[in-house]
């Protein structure tokens, strides 16, 4: 079965940085696209970035230039480097393996002003 474990979240002040990690098991991430999603309080889950097999990620407008998503296939891990964080980035962040329906527990990111 697909198992995704997100980590690296925490509480930071606006302008700070965090680096999220997601370790996958039960799959080989090199075989498909991976993505980062987030769910803000009271909102639906939304895509933040997707990472095709090429490793060249694309982003939603609100995070472009501040976030960097990447993959390390040898470690079966994807990352989300988040810089210049804003209070609006507060959410639970999830990674996703495209083609599977399951989700991990996510990791909480809280940004204070």
N, C-alpha and C. Protein backbone atom coordinates (compact mmCIF):
# COMPACT_ATOMS: atom_id res chain seq x y z
N UNK A 1 0.82 -1.17 0.00
CA UNK A 1 0.00 0.00 0.00
C UNK A 1 0.88 1.25 0.00
N UNK A 2 0.30 2.35 -0.49
CA UNK A 2 1.00 3.62 -0.52
C UNK A 2 1.03 4.20 0.88
N UNK A 3 2.21 4.63 1.31
CA UNK A 3 2.38 5.24 2.61
C UNK A 3 3.18 6.52 2.42
N UNK A 4 2.62 7.65 2.83
CA UNK A 4 3.25 8.95 2.70
C UNK A 4 3.35 9.59 4.07
N UNK A 5 4.54 10.02 4.43
CA UNK A 5 4.78 10.61 5.74
C UNK A 5 5.39 11.98 5.56
N UNK A 6 4.60 13.01 5.87
CA UNK A 6 5.05 14.39 5.80
C UNK A 6 5.66 14.82 7.13
N UNK A 7 6.65 15.70 7.06
CA UNK A 7 7.28 16.22 8.26
C UNK A 7 7.88 17.58 7.96
N UNK A 8 8.29 18.28 9.00
CA UNK A 8 8.98 19.55 8.85
C UNK A 8 8.15 20.78 9.15
N UNK A 9 6.87 20.61 9.41
CA UNK A 9 6.04 21.75 9.72
C UNK A 9 6.36 22.32 11.09
N UNK A 10 5.77 23.47 11.36
CA UNK A 10 5.99 24.13 12.63
C UNK A 10 5.37 25.50 12.63
N UNK A 11 5.73 26.27 13.63
CA UNK A 11 5.23 27.63 13.80
C UNK A 11 6.38 28.61 13.61
N UNK A 12 6.18 29.56 12.69
CA UNK A 12 7.20 30.56 12.39
C UNK A 12 6.56 31.93 12.26
N UNK A 13 7.39 32.94 12.34
CA UNK A 13 6.95 34.30 12.09
C UNK A 13 6.94 34.60 10.61
N UNK A 14 6.11 35.56 10.22
CA UNK A 14 6.09 36.00 8.83
C UNK A 14 7.50 36.37 8.38
N UNK A 15 7.84 35.94 7.18
CA UNK A 15 9.17 36.15 6.66
C UNK A 15 10.13 35.00 6.90
N UNK A 16 9.73 34.06 7.74
CA UNK A 16 10.57 32.92 8.04
C UNK A 16 10.49 31.84 6.98
N UNK A 17 11.22 30.75 7.24
CA UNK A 17 11.32 29.65 6.28
C UNK A 17 11.10 28.31 6.97
N UNK A 18 10.59 27.37 6.20
CA UNK A 18 10.46 25.99 6.61
C UNK A 18 10.77 25.10 5.42
N UNK A 19 11.24 23.89 5.71
CA UNK A 19 11.48 22.89 4.68
C UNK A 19 10.69 21.64 5.04
N UNK A 20 9.72 21.31 4.21
CA UNK A 20 8.91 20.13 4.41
C UNK A 20 9.49 18.95 3.64
N UNK A 21 9.33 17.76 4.21
CA UNK A 21 9.75 16.53 3.56
C UNK A 21 8.58 15.56 3.52
N UNK A 22 8.59 14.70 2.54
CA UNK A 22 7.61 13.64 2.43
C UNK A 22 8.31 12.38 1.95
N UNK A 23 8.34 11.38 2.81
CA UNK A 23 8.96 10.11 2.48
C UNK A 23 7.88 9.12 2.07
N UNK A 24 8.05 8.52 0.92
CA UNK A 24 7.08 7.59 0.38
C UNK A 24 7.57 6.16 0.52
N UNK A 25 6.64 5.25 0.74
CA UNK A 25 6.93 3.83 0.72
C UNK A 25 5.77 3.12 0.04
N UNK A 26 6.02 1.90 -0.41
CA UNK A 26 5.03 1.17 -1.16
C UNK A 26 4.94 1.56 -2.62
N UNK A 27 5.74 2.54 -3.03
CA UNK A 27 5.79 3.02 -4.39
C UNK A 27 7.22 3.44 -4.70
N UNK A 28 7.49 3.61 -5.97
CA UNK A 28 8.72 4.23 -6.43
C UNK A 28 8.32 5.56 -7.05
N UNK A 29 8.69 6.67 -6.42
CA UNK A 29 8.19 7.96 -6.88
C UNK A 29 8.74 8.34 -8.24
N UNK A 30 9.80 7.71 -8.68
CA UNK A 30 10.35 8.02 -9.99
C UNK A 30 9.38 7.67 -11.11
N UNK A 31 8.39 6.85 -10.82
CA UNK A 31 7.47 6.38 -11.85
C UNK A 31 6.27 7.27 -12.11
N UNK A 32 6.13 8.35 -11.38
CA UNK A 32 4.94 9.17 -11.55
C UNK A 32 5.17 10.58 -11.03
N UNK A 33 4.22 11.44 -11.29
CA UNK A 33 4.25 12.79 -10.73
C UNK A 33 3.96 12.76 -9.24
N UNK A 34 4.51 13.74 -8.53
CA UNK A 34 4.21 13.96 -7.13
C UNK A 34 3.70 15.38 -6.98
N UNK A 35 2.99 15.63 -5.90
CA UNK A 35 2.46 16.97 -5.67
C UNK A 35 2.43 17.34 -4.21
N UNK A 36 2.39 18.63 -3.97
CA UNK A 36 2.15 19.19 -2.65
C UNK A 36 0.80 19.89 -2.65
N UNK A 37 0.01 19.61 -1.65
CA UNK A 37 -1.29 20.24 -1.44
C UNK A 37 -1.32 20.89 -0.07
N UNK A 38 -2.27 21.78 0.13
CA UNK A 38 -2.49 22.32 1.46
C UNK A 38 -3.98 22.54 1.68
N UNK A 39 -4.36 22.54 2.93
CA UNK A 39 -5.74 22.79 3.31
C UNK A 39 -5.74 23.87 4.39
N UNK A 40 -6.24 25.04 4.03
CA UNK A 40 -6.36 26.14 4.97
C UNK A 40 -7.57 25.93 5.86
N UNK A 41 -7.57 26.55 7.04
CA UNK A 41 -8.72 26.37 7.94
C UNK A 41 -10.04 26.73 7.27
N UNK A 42 -10.98 25.80 7.33
CA UNK A 42 -12.30 26.03 6.76
C UNK A 42 -12.37 25.99 5.25
N UNK A 43 -11.27 25.61 4.59
CA UNK A 43 -11.22 25.60 3.13
C UNK A 43 -10.98 24.20 2.60
N UNK A 44 -11.22 24.03 1.32
CA UNK A 44 -10.95 22.76 0.66
C UNK A 44 -9.46 22.61 0.38
N UNK A 45 -9.04 21.38 0.26
CA UNK A 45 -7.66 21.10 -0.09
C UNK A 45 -7.36 21.64 -1.49
N UNK A 46 -6.19 22.27 -1.65
CA UNK A 46 -5.81 22.84 -2.93
C UNK A 46 -4.40 22.43 -3.31
N UNK A 47 -4.17 22.33 -4.59
CA UNK A 47 -2.83 22.04 -5.09
C UNK A 47 -1.93 23.26 -4.90
N UNK A 48 -0.72 23.03 -4.43
CA UNK A 48 0.28 24.07 -4.28
C UNK A 48 1.35 23.98 -5.36
N UNK A 49 1.84 22.78 -5.59
CA UNK A 49 2.87 22.55 -6.59
C UNK A 49 2.80 21.11 -7.06
N UNK A 50 3.11 20.90 -8.31
CA UNK A 50 3.27 19.53 -8.79
C UNK A 50 4.68 19.35 -9.34
N UNK A 51 5.16 18.14 -9.21
CA UNK A 51 6.53 17.80 -9.59
C UNK A 51 6.46 16.63 -10.57
N UNK A 52 6.50 16.91 -11.85
CA UNK A 52 6.50 15.81 -12.83
C UNK A 52 7.75 14.94 -12.71
N UNK A 53 7.76 13.88 -13.47
CA UNK A 53 8.91 12.98 -13.44
C UNK A 53 10.20 13.70 -13.81
N UNK A 54 10.10 14.75 -14.59
CA UNK A 54 11.27 15.53 -14.97
C UNK A 54 11.93 16.22 -13.79
N UNK A 55 11.19 16.44 -12.72
CA UNK A 55 11.69 17.17 -11.57
C UNK A 55 11.51 18.67 -11.65
N UNK A 56 10.98 19.17 -12.76
CA UNK A 56 10.76 20.60 -12.93
C UNK A 56 9.36 20.93 -12.46
N UNK A 57 9.27 21.58 -11.32
CA UNK A 57 7.99 21.82 -10.68
C UNK A 57 7.30 23.06 -11.22
N UNK A 58 5.98 23.10 -11.06
CA UNK A 58 5.22 24.30 -11.31
C UNK A 58 4.32 24.59 -10.11
N UNK A 59 3.90 25.85 -9.98
CA UNK A 59 3.33 26.35 -8.74
C UNK A 59 2.09 27.19 -8.99
N UNK A 60 1.25 27.28 -7.98
CA UNK A 60 0.17 28.25 -8.03
C UNK A 60 0.77 29.65 -7.84
N UNK A 61 0.06 30.63 -8.34
CA UNK A 61 0.59 31.99 -8.39
C UNK A 61 0.96 32.52 -7.01
N UNK A 62 0.17 32.21 -6.00
CA UNK A 62 0.38 32.80 -4.69
C UNK A 62 1.68 32.37 -4.01
N UNK A 63 2.28 31.27 -4.45
CA UNK A 63 3.51 30.80 -3.84
C UNK A 63 4.70 30.88 -4.78
N UNK A 64 4.48 31.12 -6.04
CA UNK A 64 5.58 31.15 -7.01
C UNK A 64 6.58 32.23 -6.63
N UNK A 65 7.85 31.85 -6.66
CA UNK A 65 8.92 32.75 -6.26
C UNK A 65 9.29 32.65 -4.80
N UNK A 66 8.44 32.03 -4.00
CA UNK A 66 8.71 31.85 -2.58
C UNK A 66 8.93 30.38 -2.22
N UNK A 67 8.24 29.47 -2.90
CA UNK A 67 8.33 28.05 -2.60
C UNK A 67 9.10 27.34 -3.71
N UNK A 68 9.82 26.30 -3.33
CA UNK A 68 10.52 25.44 -4.28
C UNK A 68 10.21 23.99 -3.95
N UNK A 69 9.61 23.29 -4.89
CA UNK A 69 9.33 21.87 -4.74
C UNK A 69 10.34 21.06 -5.53
N UNK A 70 10.79 19.96 -4.96
CA UNK A 70 11.81 19.15 -5.61
C UNK A 70 11.62 17.69 -5.23
N UNK A 71 12.32 16.83 -5.92
CA UNK A 71 12.28 15.41 -5.63
C UNK A 71 13.69 14.84 -5.58
N UNK A 72 13.86 13.82 -4.75
CA UNK A 72 15.08 13.04 -4.69
C UNK A 72 14.66 11.59 -4.86
N UNK A 73 14.71 11.10 -6.08
CA UNK A 73 14.21 9.76 -6.36
C UNK A 73 15.00 8.69 -5.62
N UNK A 74 16.29 8.91 -5.43
CA UNK A 74 17.12 7.93 -4.73
C UNK A 74 16.67 7.74 -3.29
N UNK A 75 16.12 8.78 -2.69
CA UNK A 75 15.62 8.72 -1.32
C UNK A 75 14.11 8.52 -1.26
N UNK A 76 13.46 8.42 -2.42
CA UNK A 76 12.01 8.27 -2.48
C UNK A 76 11.31 9.37 -1.67
N UNK A 77 11.79 10.58 -1.85
CA UNK A 77 11.38 11.71 -1.02
C UNK A 77 11.15 12.94 -1.88
N UNK A 78 10.14 13.72 -1.52
CA UNK A 78 9.92 15.03 -2.12
C UNK A 78 10.02 16.08 -1.03
N UNK A 79 10.34 17.30 -1.45
CA UNK A 79 10.58 18.40 -0.53
C UNK A 79 9.79 19.63 -0.96
N UNK A 80 9.50 20.47 0.00
CA UNK A 80 8.93 21.78 -0.27
C UNK A 80 9.67 22.80 0.59
N UNK A 81 10.54 23.56 -0.04
CA UNK A 81 11.24 24.65 0.64
C UNK A 81 10.35 25.88 0.57
N UNK A 82 10.01 26.43 1.72
CA UNK A 82 9.11 27.57 1.81
C UNK A 82 9.86 28.74 2.42
N UNK A 83 10.02 29.80 1.65
CA UNK A 83 10.69 31.02 2.10
C UNK A 83 9.70 32.17 2.12
N UNK A 84 10.06 33.21 2.87
CA UNK A 84 9.22 34.41 2.96
C UNK A 84 7.77 34.07 3.26
N UNK A 85 7.59 33.25 4.27
CA UNK A 85 6.26 32.78 4.60
C UNK A 85 5.34 33.91 5.05
N UNK A 86 4.08 33.77 4.70
CA UNK A 86 3.04 34.73 5.03
C UNK A 86 1.98 34.07 5.90
N UNK A 87 1.26 34.85 6.70
CA UNK A 87 0.17 34.26 7.48
C UNK A 87 -0.83 33.50 6.62
N UNK A 88 -1.03 33.92 5.39
CA UNK A 88 -1.94 33.26 4.48
C UNK A 88 -1.48 31.87 4.08
N UNK A 89 -0.22 31.52 4.36
CA UNK A 89 0.29 30.19 4.08
C UNK A 89 -0.07 29.18 5.17
N UNK A 90 -0.66 29.64 6.25
CA UNK A 90 -1.05 28.75 7.34
C UNK A 90 -2.01 27.68 6.83
N UNK A 91 -1.66 26.42 7.03
CA UNK A 91 -2.45 25.31 6.50
C UNK A 91 -1.81 24.01 6.94
N UNK A 92 -2.53 22.92 6.72
CA UNK A 92 -1.96 21.59 6.80
C UNK A 92 -1.48 21.23 5.40
N UNK A 93 -0.23 20.83 5.30
CA UNK A 93 0.38 20.51 4.01
C UNK A 93 0.49 19.00 3.83
N UNK A 94 0.14 18.55 2.64
CA UNK A 94 0.14 17.13 2.29
C UNK A 94 0.94 16.92 1.02
N UNK A 95 1.61 15.78 0.91
CA UNK A 95 2.13 15.36 -0.38
C UNK A 95 1.20 14.32 -0.97
N UNK A 96 1.36 14.08 -2.26
CA UNK A 96 0.45 13.19 -2.97
C UNK A 96 1.19 12.48 -4.09
N UNK A 97 0.89 11.22 -4.25
CA UNK A 97 1.38 10.41 -5.36
C UNK A 97 0.25 10.29 -6.37
N UNK A 98 0.46 10.86 -7.55
CA UNK A 98 -0.59 10.86 -8.55
C UNK A 98 -0.87 9.43 -9.02
N UNK A 99 -2.13 9.09 -9.03
CA UNK A 99 -2.56 7.75 -9.37
C UNK A 99 -3.01 6.92 -8.19
N UNK A 100 -2.81 7.44 -6.98
CA UNK A 100 -3.28 6.79 -5.77
C UNK A 100 -4.23 7.72 -5.03
N UNK A 101 -5.18 7.14 -4.33
CA UNK A 101 -6.23 7.92 -3.67
C UNK A 101 -5.92 8.24 -2.21
N UNK A 102 -4.91 7.62 -1.64
CA UNK A 102 -4.66 7.76 -0.22
C UNK A 102 -3.84 9.02 0.09
N UNK A 103 -3.99 9.50 1.32
CA UNK A 103 -3.28 10.67 1.82
C UNK A 103 -2.62 10.34 3.14
N UNK A 104 -1.52 11.04 3.42
CA UNK A 104 -0.89 10.92 4.72
C UNK A 104 -1.57 11.80 5.75
N UNK A 105 -0.94 11.94 6.90
CA UNK A 105 -1.51 12.74 7.98
C UNK A 105 -1.31 14.23 7.78
N UNK A 106 -0.38 14.62 6.93
CA UNK A 106 -0.08 16.02 6.73
C UNK A 106 0.80 16.58 7.83
N UNK A 107 1.27 17.80 7.61
CA UNK A 107 2.08 18.49 8.60
C UNK A 107 1.61 19.93 8.71
N UNK A 108 1.43 20.40 9.93
CA UNK A 108 0.86 21.71 10.17
C UNK A 108 1.91 22.80 10.01
N UNK A 109 1.57 23.83 9.25
CA UNK A 109 2.39 25.03 9.12
C UNK A 109 1.57 26.21 9.62
N UNK A 110 2.11 26.92 10.60
CA UNK A 110 1.45 28.09 11.16
C UNK A 110 2.39 29.28 11.07
N UNK A 111 1.91 30.35 10.46
CA UNK A 111 2.72 31.55 10.26
C UNK A 111 2.03 32.70 10.97
N UNK A 112 2.73 33.32 11.89
CA UNK A 112 2.20 34.44 12.66
C UNK A 112 2.76 35.76 12.14
N UNK A 113 1.98 36.81 12.31
CA UNK A 113 2.40 38.13 11.86
C UNK A 113 3.25 38.82 12.91
